[in-house]
Amino acid sequence: MNPSDVANLRREYETDGLRRADLHPDPIAQFSVWFSAAIEAALPDVNAVTLATATTDGRPSARVVLLKGFDQRGFVFFTNYHSQKGRELEANPQAAFAIYWVQLERQIRVSGRVEKTSRAESGAYFHSRPRGSQLGAWVSHQSEPIDARQILEGRLAEMEERYAQTPIELPPHWGGYRLLPNEIEFWQGRANRLHDRFRYTRADAGWTLDRLAP
């Protein structure tokens, strides 16, 4: 494909849009409304979000992770604490994520401070995962270079033998993060690129809500 062909890729948005009156005063409740609608629409990978982190000198990185929970405290995902994102969050505990449901012509952006979940919360989720995923958390030294896939397969065989007769332990280097939001934006596609955007910003008494230009 030529670069000029990429520039010509476009689609029109056809929804009825989003009004202030449609929105819940609590952005977490509004997130729940949209998330439930995405589930009801049977969208694939409905909880996949693009998570952005940055080093202390401002070098950003992004990757797709799976959102595993949300409530009034914030949004939770799990990972290897020694991974690139883990190292960046240790040094600079600020992050943002975007979730885009193309079929619904909707996007949500969230940003704020990040903290680790408790070991009890991490353990509860870890032991709910399939056995292979639990073993994988021990096998993969995430983000480190490896010479061949056979290294992973060899480590997997070792872990399978180690835990053949016992429950798999929660690795000390693995667990959850909770993003504590200070801004949440809801975006609804509209015709002529005049999209509807509403941003909630955390304030002392709760949240303020502003319409943003598209």
N, C-alpha and C. Protein backbone atom coordinates (compact mmCIF):
# COMPACT_ATOMS: atom_id res chain seq x y z
N MET A 1 0.84 -1.20 0.00
CA MET A 1 0.00 0.00 0.00
C MET A 1 0.88 1.24 0.00
N ASN A 2 0.54 2.19 -0.85
CA ASN A 2 1.27 3.45 -0.92
C ASN A 2 0.81 4.40 0.19
N PRO A 3 1.73 5.28 0.64
CA PRO A 3 1.32 6.27 1.65
C PRO A 3 0.10 7.07 1.25
N SER A 4 -0.03 7.38 -0.05
CA SER A 4 -1.19 8.15 -0.51
C SER A 4 -2.47 7.37 -0.33
N ASP A 5 -2.39 6.04 -0.43
CA ASP A 5 -3.58 5.22 -0.22
C ASP A 5 -4.02 5.26 1.24
N VAL A 6 -3.06 5.30 2.15
CA VAL A 6 -3.39 5.39 3.57
C VAL A 6 -4.11 6.71 3.85
N ALA A 7 -3.63 7.78 3.26
CA ALA A 7 -4.24 9.09 3.48
C ALA A 7 -5.69 9.13 3.02
N ASN A 8 -6.03 8.29 2.05
CA ASN A 8 -7.39 8.30 1.50
C ASN A 8 -8.34 7.38 2.26
N LEU A 9 -7.83 6.64 3.25
CA LEU A 9 -8.71 5.80 4.05
C LEU A 9 -9.56 6.69 4.96
N ARG A 10 -10.86 6.53 4.88
CA ARG A 10 -11.73 7.34 5.73
C ARG A 10 -13.09 6.66 5.84
N ARG A 11 -13.80 7.00 6.89
CA ARG A 11 -15.15 6.53 7.08
C ARG A 11 -15.97 7.65 7.68
N GLU A 12 -17.27 7.61 7.46
CA GLU A 12 -18.15 8.61 8.04
C GLU A 12 -18.84 8.03 9.27
N TYR A 13 -19.08 8.88 10.26
CA TYR A 13 -19.75 8.48 11.48
C TYR A 13 -21.22 8.84 11.38
N GLU A 14 -22.07 7.95 11.88
CA GLU A 14 -23.50 8.08 11.60
C GLU A 14 -24.38 8.03 12.85
N THR A 15 -23.82 8.13 14.04
CA THR A 15 -24.64 8.03 15.24
C THR A 15 -25.43 9.32 15.47
N ASP A 16 -26.36 9.23 16.39
CA ASP A 16 -27.16 10.41 16.76
C ASP A 16 -26.42 11.34 17.70
N GLY A 17 -25.26 10.91 18.17
CA GLY A 17 -24.44 11.79 18.98
C GLY A 17 -24.70 11.63 20.47
N LEU A 18 -24.09 12.53 21.23
CA LEU A 18 -24.11 12.48 22.68
C LEU A 18 -24.43 13.86 23.23
N ARG A 19 -25.40 13.92 24.15
CA ARG A 19 -25.78 15.19 24.77
C ARG A 19 -25.40 15.16 26.25
N ARG A 20 -25.23 16.34 26.81
CA ARG A 20 -24.94 16.42 28.23
C ARG A 20 -26.03 15.72 29.05
N ALA A 21 -27.27 15.85 28.61
CA ALA A 21 -28.38 15.23 29.33
C ALA A 21 -28.31 13.71 29.32
N ASP A 22 -27.55 13.13 28.37
CA ASP A 22 -27.41 11.67 28.29
C ASP A 22 -26.45 11.14 29.34
N LEU A 23 -25.63 12.01 29.92
CA LEU A 23 -24.51 11.57 30.75
C LEU A 23 -24.87 11.51 32.22
N HIS A 24 -24.35 10.48 32.88
CA HIS A 24 -24.49 10.36 34.33
C HIS A 24 -23.55 11.37 35.00
N PRO A 25 -23.93 11.96 36.12
CA PRO A 25 -23.01 12.92 36.78
C PRO A 25 -21.74 12.27 37.30
N ASP A 26 -21.75 10.96 37.47
CA ASP A 26 -20.57 10.22 37.94
C ASP A 26 -19.93 9.52 36.75
N PRO A 27 -18.67 9.85 36.41
CA PRO A 27 -18.06 9.25 35.22
C PRO A 27 -17.84 7.74 35.32
N ILE A 28 -17.66 7.22 36.54
CA ILE A 28 -17.51 5.77 36.67
C ILE A 28 -18.82 5.08 36.33
N ALA A 29 -19.93 5.65 36.78
CA ALA A 29 -21.24 5.12 36.41
C ALA A 29 -21.46 5.23 34.90
N GLN A 30 -21.02 6.33 34.30
CA GLN A 30 -21.16 6.48 32.86
C GLN A 30 -20.30 5.47 32.12
N PHE A 31 -19.09 5.23 32.62
CA PHE A 31 -18.23 4.20 32.03
C PHE A 31 -18.94 2.85 32.08
N SER A 32 -19.57 2.55 33.20
CA SER A 32 -20.27 1.28 33.34
C SER A 32 -21.40 1.15 32.33
N VAL A 33 -22.11 2.25 32.08
CA VAL A 33 -23.20 2.23 31.09
C VAL A 33 -22.65 1.89 29.70
N TRP A 34 -21.58 2.57 29.31
CA TRP A 34 -21.01 2.32 27.98
C TRP A 34 -20.37 0.94 27.90
N PHE A 35 -19.71 0.51 28.97
CA PHE A 35 -19.07 -0.80 28.96
C PHE A 35 -20.12 -1.90 28.85
N SER A 36 -21.24 -1.75 29.55
CA SER A 36 -22.31 -2.73 29.46
C SER A 36 -22.89 -2.77 28.05
N ALA A 37 -23.03 -1.61 27.42
CA ALA A 37 -23.54 -1.57 26.05
C ALA A 37 -22.59 -2.28 25.10
N ALA A 38 -21.29 -2.13 25.30
CA ALA A 38 -20.31 -2.80 24.45
C ALA A 38 -20.38 -4.32 24.64
N ILE A 39 -20.58 -4.77 25.88
CA ILE A 39 -20.73 -6.20 26.12
C ILE A 39 -22.00 -6.73 25.45
N GLU A 40 -23.11 -6.00 25.59
CA GLU A 40 -24.36 -6.41 24.99
C GLU A 40 -24.27 -6.47 23.47
N ALA A 41 -23.41 -5.63 22.90
CA ALA A 41 -23.20 -5.64 21.45
C ALA A 41 -22.28 -6.76 21.00
N ALA A 42 -21.79 -7.56 21.96
CA ALA A 42 -20.92 -8.70 21.68
C ALA A 42 -19.67 -8.29 20.92
N LEU A 43 -19.08 -7.17 21.32
CA LEU A 43 -17.86 -6.71 20.67
C LEU A 43 -16.68 -7.59 21.07
N PRO A 44 -15.77 -7.88 20.15
CA PRO A 44 -14.60 -8.69 20.51
C PRO A 44 -13.63 -7.89 21.39
N ASP A 45 -12.99 -8.58 22.34
CA ASP A 45 -11.98 -7.95 23.20
C ASP A 45 -12.48 -6.62 23.76
N VAL A 46 -13.65 -6.65 24.31
CA VAL A 46 -14.31 -5.42 24.75
C VAL A 46 -13.51 -4.71 25.84
N ASN A 47 -12.70 -5.46 26.60
CA ASN A 47 -11.93 -4.86 27.70
C ASN A 47 -10.49 -4.57 27.33
N ALA A 48 -10.15 -4.58 26.05
CA ALA A 48 -8.80 -4.25 25.61
C ALA A 48 -8.63 -2.74 25.56
N VAL A 49 -7.60 -2.23 26.24
CA VAL A 49 -7.33 -0.80 26.27
C VAL A 49 -5.87 -0.57 25.89
N THR A 50 -5.60 0.58 25.29
CA THR A 50 -4.23 0.96 24.98
C THR A 50 -3.70 1.80 26.13
N LEU A 51 -2.73 1.22 26.84
CA LEU A 51 -2.17 1.86 28.04
C LEU A 51 -0.88 2.58 27.70
N ALA A 52 -0.80 3.84 28.09
CA ALA A 52 0.40 4.65 27.86
C ALA A 52 1.08 4.96 29.18
N THR A 53 2.40 4.76 29.20
CA THR A 53 3.25 5.13 30.34
C THR A 53 4.40 5.96 29.80
N ALA A 54 5.21 6.48 30.70
CA ALA A 54 6.35 7.29 30.25
C ALA A 54 7.47 7.20 31.27
N THR A 55 8.68 7.37 30.79
CA THR A 55 9.84 7.43 31.67
C THR A 55 9.88 8.79 32.37
N THR A 56 10.76 8.93 33.33
CA THR A 56 10.86 10.21 34.05
C THR A 56 11.33 11.35 33.16
N ASP A 57 12.00 11.02 32.04
CA ASP A 57 12.43 12.09 31.13
C ASP A 57 11.47 12.25 29.97
N GLY A 58 10.26 11.66 30.07
CA GLY A 58 9.20 11.96 29.11
C GLY A 58 9.12 11.08 27.89
N ARG A 59 9.87 9.97 27.85
CA ARG A 59 9.77 9.08 26.69
C ARG A 59 8.56 8.17 26.87
N PRO A 60 7.56 8.28 25.99
CA PRO A 60 6.34 7.51 26.16
C PRO A 60 6.44 6.12 25.53
N SER A 61 5.60 5.21 26.01
CA SER A 61 5.42 3.91 25.37
C SER A 61 3.98 3.50 25.57
N ALA A 62 3.48 2.68 24.65
CA ALA A 62 2.08 2.26 24.72
C ALA A 62 1.97 0.81 24.30
N ARG A 63 0.95 0.15 24.86
CA ARG A 63 0.69 -1.24 24.52
C ARG A 63 -0.76 -1.54 24.90
N VAL A 64 -1.30 -2.63 24.36
CA VAL A 64 -2.66 -3.04 24.69
C VAL A 64 -2.61 -3.97 25.90
N VAL A 65 -3.43 -3.68 26.90
CA VAL A 65 -3.60 -4.55 28.06
C VAL A 65 -5.09 -4.79 28.24
N LEU A 66 -5.42 -5.75 29.11
CA LEU A 66 -6.82 -6.06 29.36
C LEU A 66 -7.26 -5.47 30.70
N LEU A 67 -8.30 -4.68 30.65
CA LEU A 67 -8.90 -4.14 31.86
C LEU A 67 -9.59 -5.28 32.61
N LYS A 68 -9.27 -5.42 33.89
CA LYS A 68 -9.81 -6.55 34.65
C LYS A 68 -10.75 -6.14 35.77
N GLY A 69 -11.03 -4.88 35.90
CA GLY A 69 -11.98 -4.44 36.90
C GLY A 69 -12.03 -2.93 36.98
N PHE A 70 -13.15 -2.41 37.45
CA PHE A 70 -13.26 -0.97 37.70
C PHE A 70 -14.35 -0.74 38.74
N ASP A 71 -14.15 0.27 39.54
CA ASP A 71 -15.12 0.70 40.54
C ASP A 71 -14.78 2.13 40.91
N GLN A 72 -15.35 2.64 41.99
CA GLN A 72 -15.11 4.02 42.37
C GLN A 72 -13.65 4.30 42.71
N ARG A 73 -12.89 3.26 43.01
CA ARG A 73 -11.47 3.46 43.31
C ARG A 73 -10.65 3.66 42.05
N GLY A 74 -11.06 3.06 40.93
CA GLY A 74 -10.30 3.21 39.70
C GLY A 74 -10.39 1.99 38.81
N PHE A 75 -9.42 1.89 37.88
CA PHE A 75 -9.41 0.88 36.82
C PHE A 75 -8.21 -0.04 37.02
N VAL A 76 -8.44 -1.35 36.96
CA VAL A 76 -7.42 -2.32 37.35
C VAL A 76 -6.95 -3.15 36.15
N PHE A 77 -5.64 -3.34 36.07
CA PHE A 77 -5.04 -4.28 35.12
C PHE A 77 -3.89 -4.97 35.84
N PHE A 78 -3.42 -6.10 35.28
CA PHE A 78 -2.39 -6.91 35.92
C PHE A 78 -1.24 -7.13 34.94
N THR A 79 -0.03 -7.29 35.51
CA THR A 79 1.15 -7.45 34.66
C THR A 79 2.34 -7.91 35.49
N ASN A 80 3.45 -8.13 34.81
CA ASN A 80 4.73 -8.38 35.44
C ASN A 80 5.32 -7.04 35.87
N TYR A 81 5.63 -6.89 37.15
CA TYR A 81 6.15 -5.63 37.65
C TYR A 81 7.54 -5.30 37.09
N HIS A 82 8.24 -6.31 36.55
CA HIS A 82 9.56 -6.08 35.97
C HIS A 82 9.51 -5.75 34.48
N SER A 83 8.31 -5.70 33.90
CA SER A 83 8.17 -5.36 32.49
C SER A 83 8.49 -3.89 32.25
N GLN A 84 8.53 -3.50 30.99
CA GLN A 84 8.81 -2.09 30.69
C GLN A 84 7.77 -1.18 31.34
N LYS A 85 6.49 -1.53 31.22
CA LYS A 85 5.49 -0.67 31.83
C LYS A 85 5.62 -0.66 33.34
N GLY A 86 5.98 -1.82 33.93
CA GLY A 86 6.17 -1.87 35.37
C GLY A 86 7.31 -0.99 35.83
N ARG A 87 8.41 -1.03 35.10
CA ARG A 87 9.55 -0.18 35.46
C ARG A 87 9.21 1.30 35.31
N GLU A 88 8.49 1.62 34.25
CA GLU A 88 8.13 3.03 34.04
C GLU A 88 7.15 3.51 35.10
N LEU A 89 6.20 2.66 35.48
CA LEU A 89 5.24 3.05 36.51
C LEU A 89 5.91 3.16 37.88
N GLU A 90 6.94 2.38 38.13
CA GLU A 90 7.67 2.48 39.38
C GLU A 90 8.36 3.84 39.48
N ALA A 91 8.92 4.29 38.37
CA ALA A 91 9.65 5.56 38.36
C ALA A 91 8.74 6.76 38.18
N ASN A 92 7.64 6.57 37.46
CA ASN A 92 6.73 7.67 37.12
C ASN A 92 5.30 7.14 37.19
N PRO A 93 4.68 7.15 38.37
CA PRO A 93 3.38 6.50 38.56
C PRO A 93 2.20 7.30 38.02
N GLN A 94 2.30 7.68 36.76
CA GLN A 94 1.22 8.33 36.04
C GLN A 94 0.98 7.56 34.75
N ALA A 95 -0.28 7.43 34.35
CA ALA A 95 -0.58 6.67 33.13
C ALA A 95 -1.88 7.16 32.53
N ALA A 96 -2.14 6.69 31.32
CA ALA A 96 -3.40 6.98 30.63
C ALA A 96 -3.75 5.78 29.78
N PHE A 97 -5.03 5.61 29.52
CA PHE A 97 -5.42 4.58 28.56
C PHE A 97 -6.56 5.10 27.70
N ALA A 98 -6.68 4.51 26.52
CA ALA A 98 -7.79 4.78 25.61
C ALA A 98 -8.42 3.47 25.21
N ILE A 99 -9.73 3.48 25.14
CA ILE A 99 -10.48 2.31 24.68
C ILE A 99 -11.35 2.77 23.52
N TYR A 100 -11.36 2.01 22.42
CA TYR A 100 -12.08 2.42 21.21
C TYR A 100 -12.93 1.27 20.73
N TRP A 101 -14.23 1.51 20.67
CA TRP A 101 -15.17 0.53 20.15
C TRP A 101 -15.68 1.03 18.81
N VAL A 102 -15.02 0.60 17.73
CA VAL A 102 -15.31 1.14 16.41
C VAL A 102 -16.76 0.87 16.01
N GLN A 103 -17.31 -0.29 16.39
CA GLN A 103 -18.67 -0.62 15.98
C GLN A 103 -19.69 0.33 16.61
N LEU A 104 -19.39 0.87 17.77
CA LEU A 104 -20.29 1.81 18.44
C LEU A 104 -19.90 3.26 18.20
N GLU A 105 -18.78 3.46 17.50
CA GLU A 105 -18.25 4.80 17.23
C GLU A 105 -18.05 5.57 18.54
N ARG A 106 -17.43 4.86 19.50
CA ARG A 106 -17.21 5.44 20.81
C ARG A 106 -15.76 5.25 21.26
N GLN A 107 -15.26 6.24 21.96
CA GLN A 107 -13.92 6.18 22.55
C GLN A 107 -13.99 6.74 23.97
N ILE A 108 -13.20 6.14 24.87
CA ILE A 108 -13.07 6.66 26.23
C ILE A 108 -11.59 6.84 26.52
N ARG A 109 -11.24 7.98 27.10
CA ARG A 109 -9.87 8.26 27.51
C ARG A 109 -9.85 8.49 29.02
N VAL A 110 -8.86 7.88 29.69
CA VAL A 110 -8.74 7.99 31.14
C VAL A 110 -7.29 8.29 31.49
N SER A 111 -7.05 9.19 32.42
CA SER A 111 -5.68 9.47 32.86
C SER A 111 -5.68 9.74 34.36
N GLY A 112 -4.53 9.45 34.99
CA GLY A 112 -4.42 9.70 36.41
C GLY A 112 -3.22 9.02 37.02
N ARG A 113 -3.18 9.00 38.33
CA ARG A 113 -2.11 8.38 39.09
C ARG A 113 -2.33 6.88 39.18
N VAL A 114 -1.25 6.11 39.31
CA VAL A 114 -1.33 4.66 39.37
C VAL A 114 -0.70 4.16 40.66
N GLU A 115 -1.34 3.16 41.26
CA GLU A 115 -0.78 2.51 42.43
C GLU A 115 -0.96 1.00 42.29
N LYS A 116 -0.14 0.23 42.99
CA LYS A 116 -0.28 -1.22 42.96
C LYS A 116 -1.49 -1.65 43.76
N THR A 117 -2.14 -2.72 43.32
CA THR A 117 -3.18 -3.34 44.12
C THR A 117 -2.53 -4.09 45.28
N SER A 118 -3.32 -4.44 46.27
CA SER A 118 -2.80 -5.22 47.39
C SER A 118 -2.40 -6.62 46.92
N ARG A 119 -1.52 -7.27 47.68
CA ARG A 119 -1.15 -8.65 47.32
C ARG A 119 -2.36 -9.58 47.43
N ALA A 120 -3.26 -9.30 48.35
CA ALA A 120 -4.46 -10.12 48.46
C ALA A 120 -5.31 -10.00 47.20
N GLU A 121 -5.48 -8.78 46.69
CA GLU A 121 -6.27 -8.57 45.47
C GLU A 121 -5.57 -9.19 44.27
N SER A 122 -4.26 -9.02 44.20
CA SER A 122 -3.50 -9.63 43.09
C SER A 122 -3.60 -11.15 43.14
N GLY A 123 -3.48 -11.72 44.35
CA GLY A 123 -3.55 -13.16 44.49
C GLY A 123 -4.90 -13.72 44.12
N ALA A 124 -5.97 -13.01 44.51
CA ALA A 124 -7.32 -13.49 44.20
C ALA A 124 -7.51 -13.56 42.69
N TYR A 125 -7.05 -12.53 41.96
CA TYR A 125 -7.19 -12.59 40.51
C TYR A 125 -6.26 -13.64 39.90
N PHE A 126 -5.01 -13.70 40.39
CA PHE A 126 -4.05 -14.65 39.84
C PHE A 126 -4.59 -16.07 39.90
N HIS A 127 -5.18 -16.45 41.02
CA HIS A 127 -5.64 -17.82 41.18
C HIS A 127 -6.98 -18.08 40.49
N SER A 128 -7.59 -17.03 39.92
CA SER A 128 -8.78 -17.23 39.09
C SER A 128 -8.43 -17.50 37.64
N ARG A 129 -7.16 -17.30 37.28
CA ARG A 129 -6.72 -17.47 35.89
C ARG A 129 -6.57 -18.95 35.55
N PRO A 130 -6.62 -19.29 34.26
CA PRO A 130 -6.33 -20.67 33.87
C PRO A 130 -4.93 -21.08 34.33
N ARG A 131 -4.74 -22.36 34.56
CA ARG A 131 -3.46 -22.86 35.06
C ARG A 131 -2.31 -22.47 34.13
N GLY A 132 -2.52 -22.55 32.84
CA GLY A 132 -1.46 -22.19 31.91
C GLY A 132 -1.04 -20.74 32.02
N SER A 133 -2.00 -19.86 32.26
CA SER A 133 -1.68 -18.44 32.43
C SER A 133 -0.91 -18.21 33.73
N GLN A 134 -1.27 -18.97 34.78
CA GLN A 134 -0.53 -18.85 36.03
C GLN A 134 0.93 -19.29 35.84
N LEU A 135 1.12 -20.40 35.14
CA LEU A 135 2.48 -20.85 34.88
C LEU A 135 3.24 -19.84 34.02
N GLY A 136 2.53 -19.26 33.05
CA GLY A 136 3.17 -18.29 32.17
C GLY A 136 3.72 -17.09 32.89
N ALA A 137 3.07 -16.70 34.00
CA ALA A 137 3.57 -15.56 34.78
C ALA A 137 4.93 -15.86 35.40
N TRP A 138 5.20 -17.15 35.69
CA TRP A 138 6.51 -17.55 36.19
C TRP A 138 7.52 -17.71 35.05
N VAL A 139 7.05 -18.14 33.91
CA VAL A 139 7.93 -18.50 32.79
C VAL A 139 8.53 -17.27 32.13
N SER A 140 7.68 -16.26 31.87
CA SER A 140 8.11 -15.13 31.05
C SER A 140 8.75 -14.03 31.89
N HIS A 141 10.01 -13.70 31.58
CA HIS A 141 10.66 -12.52 32.14
C HIS A 141 10.32 -11.35 31.21
N GLN A 142 9.13 -10.82 31.37
CA GLN A 142 8.53 -9.94 30.38
C GLN A 142 9.42 -8.76 30.02
N SER A 143 9.50 -8.49 28.73
CA SER A 143 10.23 -7.38 28.12
C SER A 143 11.73 -7.62 28.02
N GLU A 144 12.25 -8.75 28.55
CA GLU A 144 13.67 -9.05 28.42
C GLU A 144 13.95 -9.80 27.11
N PRO A 145 15.08 -9.53 26.45
CA PRO A 145 15.41 -10.27 25.23
C PRO A 145 15.63 -11.76 25.52
N ILE A 146 15.20 -12.61 24.59
CA ILE A 146 15.48 -14.05 24.68
C ILE A 146 15.98 -14.51 23.32
N ASP A 147 16.80 -15.56 23.31
CA ASP A 147 17.41 -16.04 22.07
C ASP A 147 16.46 -16.87 21.23
N ALA A 148 15.54 -17.60 21.85
CA ALA A 148 14.66 -18.47 21.08
C ALA A 148 13.44 -18.84 21.91
N ARG A 149 12.37 -19.22 21.23
CA ARG A 149 11.16 -19.62 21.93
C ARG A 149 11.37 -20.87 22.79
N GLN A 150 12.35 -21.69 22.38
CA GLN A 150 12.62 -22.91 23.14
C GLN A 150 12.97 -22.61 24.60
N ILE A 151 13.51 -21.42 24.86
CA ILE A 151 13.81 -21.03 26.24
C ILE A 151 12.53 -20.96 27.06
N LEU A 152 11.49 -20.36 26.47
CA LEU A 152 10.20 -20.29 27.16
C LEU A 152 9.62 -21.68 27.37
N GLU A 153 9.71 -22.52 26.35
CA GLU A 153 9.15 -23.85 26.46
C GLU A 153 9.89 -24.68 27.50
N GLY A 154 11.22 -24.47 27.61
CA GLY A 154 11.99 -25.16 28.63
C GLY A 154 11.60 -24.71 30.03
N ARG A 155 11.44 -23.40 30.22
CA ARG A 155 11.01 -22.89 31.52
C ARG A 155 9.62 -23.39 31.88
N LEU A 156 8.74 -23.48 30.88
CA LEU A 156 7.39 -23.97 31.13
C LEU A 156 7.42 -25.41 31.63
N ALA A 157 8.26 -26.23 31.01
CA ALA A 157 8.38 -27.62 31.45
C ALA A 157 8.88 -27.68 32.89
N GLU A 158 9.81 -26.81 33.23
CA GLU A 158 10.33 -26.78 34.61
C GLU A 158 9.23 -26.38 35.60
N MET A 159 8.44 -25.39 35.24
CA MET A 159 7.38 -24.93 36.14
C MET A 159 6.28 -25.98 36.27
N GLU A 160 5.96 -26.65 35.17
CA GLU A 160 4.96 -27.71 35.24
C GLU A 160 5.39 -28.82 36.18
N GLU A 161 6.67 -29.14 36.17
CA GLU A 161 7.19 -30.16 37.08
C GLU A 161 7.19 -29.64 38.52
N ARG A 162 7.60 -28.39 38.69
CA ARG A 162 7.68 -27.81 40.03
C ARG A 162 6.31 -27.78 40.72
N TYR A 163 5.28 -27.45 39.94
CA TYR A 163 3.95 -27.31 40.53
C TYR A 163 3.01 -28.45 40.13
N ALA A 164 3.57 -29.59 39.84
CA ALA A 164 2.75 -30.74 39.42
C ALA A 164 1.78 -31.17 40.51
N GLN A 165 2.19 -31.05 41.76
CA GLN A 165 1.38 -31.57 42.86
C GLN A 165 0.92 -30.48 43.84
N THR A 166 1.26 -29.23 43.57
CA THR A 166 0.93 -28.16 44.51
C THR A 166 0.29 -26.98 43.78
N PRO A 167 -0.48 -26.16 44.49
CA PRO A 167 -1.02 -24.95 43.87
C PRO A 167 0.11 -24.03 43.41
N ILE A 168 -0.15 -23.30 42.35
CA ILE A 168 0.85 -22.39 41.81
C ILE A 168 0.87 -21.11 42.66
N GLU A 169 2.03 -20.72 43.10
CA GLU A 169 2.17 -19.54 43.95
C GLU A 169 2.09 -18.26 43.12
N LEU A 170 1.61 -17.20 43.76
CA LEU A 170 1.64 -15.88 43.13
C LEU A 170 3.08 -15.42 43.06
N PRO A 171 3.61 -15.14 41.85
CA PRO A 171 5.00 -14.68 41.77
C PRO A 171 5.18 -13.33 42.47
N PRO A 172 6.32 -13.12 43.11
CA PRO A 172 6.54 -11.84 43.80
C PRO A 172 6.64 -10.66 42.84
N HIS A 173 6.93 -10.95 41.57
CA HIS A 173 7.11 -9.89 40.58
C HIS A 173 5.85 -9.64 39.75
N TRP A 174 4.73 -10.21 40.15
CA TRP A 174 3.51 -10.14 39.32
C TRP A 174 2.35 -9.64 40.17
N GLY A 175 1.53 -8.76 39.59
CA GLY A 175 0.38 -8.27 40.34
C GLY A 175 -0.37 -7.19 39.58
N GLY A 176 -1.21 -6.49 40.31
CA GLY A 176 -2.09 -5.52 39.68
C GLY A 176 -1.68 -4.08 39.89
N TYR A 177 -2.23 -3.22 39.02
CA TYR A 177 -2.15 -1.78 39.17
C TYR A 177 -3.57 -1.23 39.12
N ARG A 178 -3.78 -0.17 39.84
CA ARG A 178 -5.05 0.55 39.77
C ARG A 178 -4.78 1.98 39.32
N LEU A 179 -5.42 2.37 38.23
CA LEU A 179 -5.31 3.74 37.74
C LEU A 179 -6.41 4.56 38.42
N LEU A 180 -6.00 5.57 39.19
CA LEU A 180 -6.92 6.43 39.92
C LEU A 180 -7.20 7.65 39.05
N PRO A 181 -8.35 7.73 38.43
CA PRO A 181 -8.55 8.74 37.38
C PRO A 181 -8.71 10.15 37.93
N ASN A 182 -8.11 11.10 37.23
CA ASN A 182 -8.41 12.50 37.49
C ASN A 182 -9.08 13.16 36.30
N GLU A 183 -9.04 12.47 35.13
CA GLU A 183 -9.78 12.92 33.96
C GLU A 183 -10.33 11.71 33.22
N ILE A 184 -11.58 11.81 32.78
CA ILE A 184 -12.21 10.76 31.97
C ILE A 184 -12.99 11.46 30.86
N GLU A 185 -12.69 11.10 29.62
CA GLU A 185 -13.36 11.72 28.48
C GLU A 185 -14.16 10.69 27.69
N PHE A 186 -15.38 11.07 27.32
CA PHE A 186 -16.24 10.23 26.50
C PHE A 186 -16.41 10.89 25.13
N TRP A 187 -16.14 10.11 24.10
CA TRP A 187 -16.14 10.61 22.70
C TRP A 187 -17.14 9.80 21.89
N GLN A 188 -18.01 10.50 21.20
CA GLN A 188 -18.99 9.84 20.33
C GLN A 188 -18.83 10.39 18.93
N GLY A 189 -18.64 9.50 17.95
CA GLY A 189 -18.47 9.95 16.57
C GLY A 189 -19.71 10.64 16.03
N ARG A 190 -19.49 11.69 15.23
CA ARG A 190 -20.59 12.41 14.57
C ARG A 190 -20.19 12.72 13.13
N ALA A 191 -21.16 13.06 12.33
CA ALA A 191 -20.92 13.40 10.93
C ALA A 191 -20.03 14.62 10.81
N ASN A 192 -19.31 14.70 9.69
CA ASN A 192 -18.47 15.84 9.35
C ASN A 192 -17.34 16.07 10.35
N ARG A 193 -16.96 15.01 11.08
CA ARG A 193 -15.89 15.08 12.08
C ARG A 193 -16.22 16.04 13.22
N LEU A 194 -17.48 16.41 13.36
CA LEU A 194 -17.89 17.28 14.47
C LEU A 194 -18.35 16.39 15.62
N HIS A 195 -17.40 15.64 16.15
CA HIS A 195 -17.70 14.65 17.17
C HIS A 195 -18.12 15.29 18.48
N ASP A 196 -18.83 14.53 19.30
CA ASP A 196 -19.19 14.97 20.64
C ASP A 196 -18.14 14.48 21.63
N ARG A 197 -17.61 15.39 22.43
CA ARG A 197 -16.61 15.07 23.45
C ARG A 197 -17.01 15.71 24.77
N PHE A 198 -17.02 14.91 25.83
CA PHE A 198 -17.29 15.41 27.16
C PHE A 198 -16.20 14.93 28.10
N ARG A 199 -15.64 15.84 28.86
CA ARG A 199 -14.54 15.53 29.77
C ARG A 199 -14.95 15.79 31.22
N TYR A 200 -14.82 14.74 32.03
CA TYR A 200 -14.98 14.87 33.48
C TYR A 200 -13.60 15.13 34.08
N THR A 201 -13.53 16.12 34.97
CA THR A 201 -12.29 16.43 35.68
C THR A 201 -12.56 16.37 37.18
N ARG A 202 -11.71 15.65 37.90
CA ARG A 202 -11.91 15.51 39.33
C ARG A 202 -11.73 16.86 40.03
N ALA A 203 -12.66 17.16 40.91
CA ALA A 203 -12.61 18.39 41.70
C ALA A 203 -12.80 18.03 43.17
N ASP A 204 -12.61 19.01 44.05
CA ASP A 204 -12.71 18.75 45.49
C ASP A 204 -14.06 18.15 45.87
N ALA A 205 -15.12 18.65 45.26
CA ALA A 205 -16.46 18.22 45.63
C ALA A 205 -17.00 17.10 44.74
N GLY A 206 -16.18 16.55 43.88
CA GLY A 206 -16.65 15.50 42.98
C GLY A 206 -16.03 15.65 41.60
N TRP A 207 -16.88 15.90 40.59
CA TRP A 207 -16.40 15.99 39.21
C TRP A 207 -17.03 17.20 38.52
N THR A 208 -16.26 17.87 37.67
CA THR A 208 -16.80 18.87 36.77
C THR A 208 -16.90 18.26 35.39
N LEU A 209 -17.83 18.76 34.59
CA LEU A 209 -18.07 18.21 33.26
C LEU A 209 -18.05 19.33 32.25
N ASP A 210 -17.22 19.16 31.19
CA ASP A 210 -17.12 20.16 30.12
C ASP A 210 -17.29 19.50 28.78
N ARG A 211 -17.97 20.20 27.88
CA ARG A 211 -17.98 19.78 26.47
C ARG A 211 -16.72 20.34 25.82
N LEU A 212 -16.04 19.52 25.01
CA LEU A 212 -14.83 19.92 24.33
C LEU A 212 -15.08 20.02 22.83
N ALA A 213 -14.40 20.92 22.19
CA ALA A 213 -14.46 21.00 20.72
C ALA A 213 -13.84 19.74 20.14
N PRO A 214 -14.39 19.22 19.05
CA PRO A 214 -13.85 17.97 18.47
C PRO A 214 -12.49 18.19 17.81
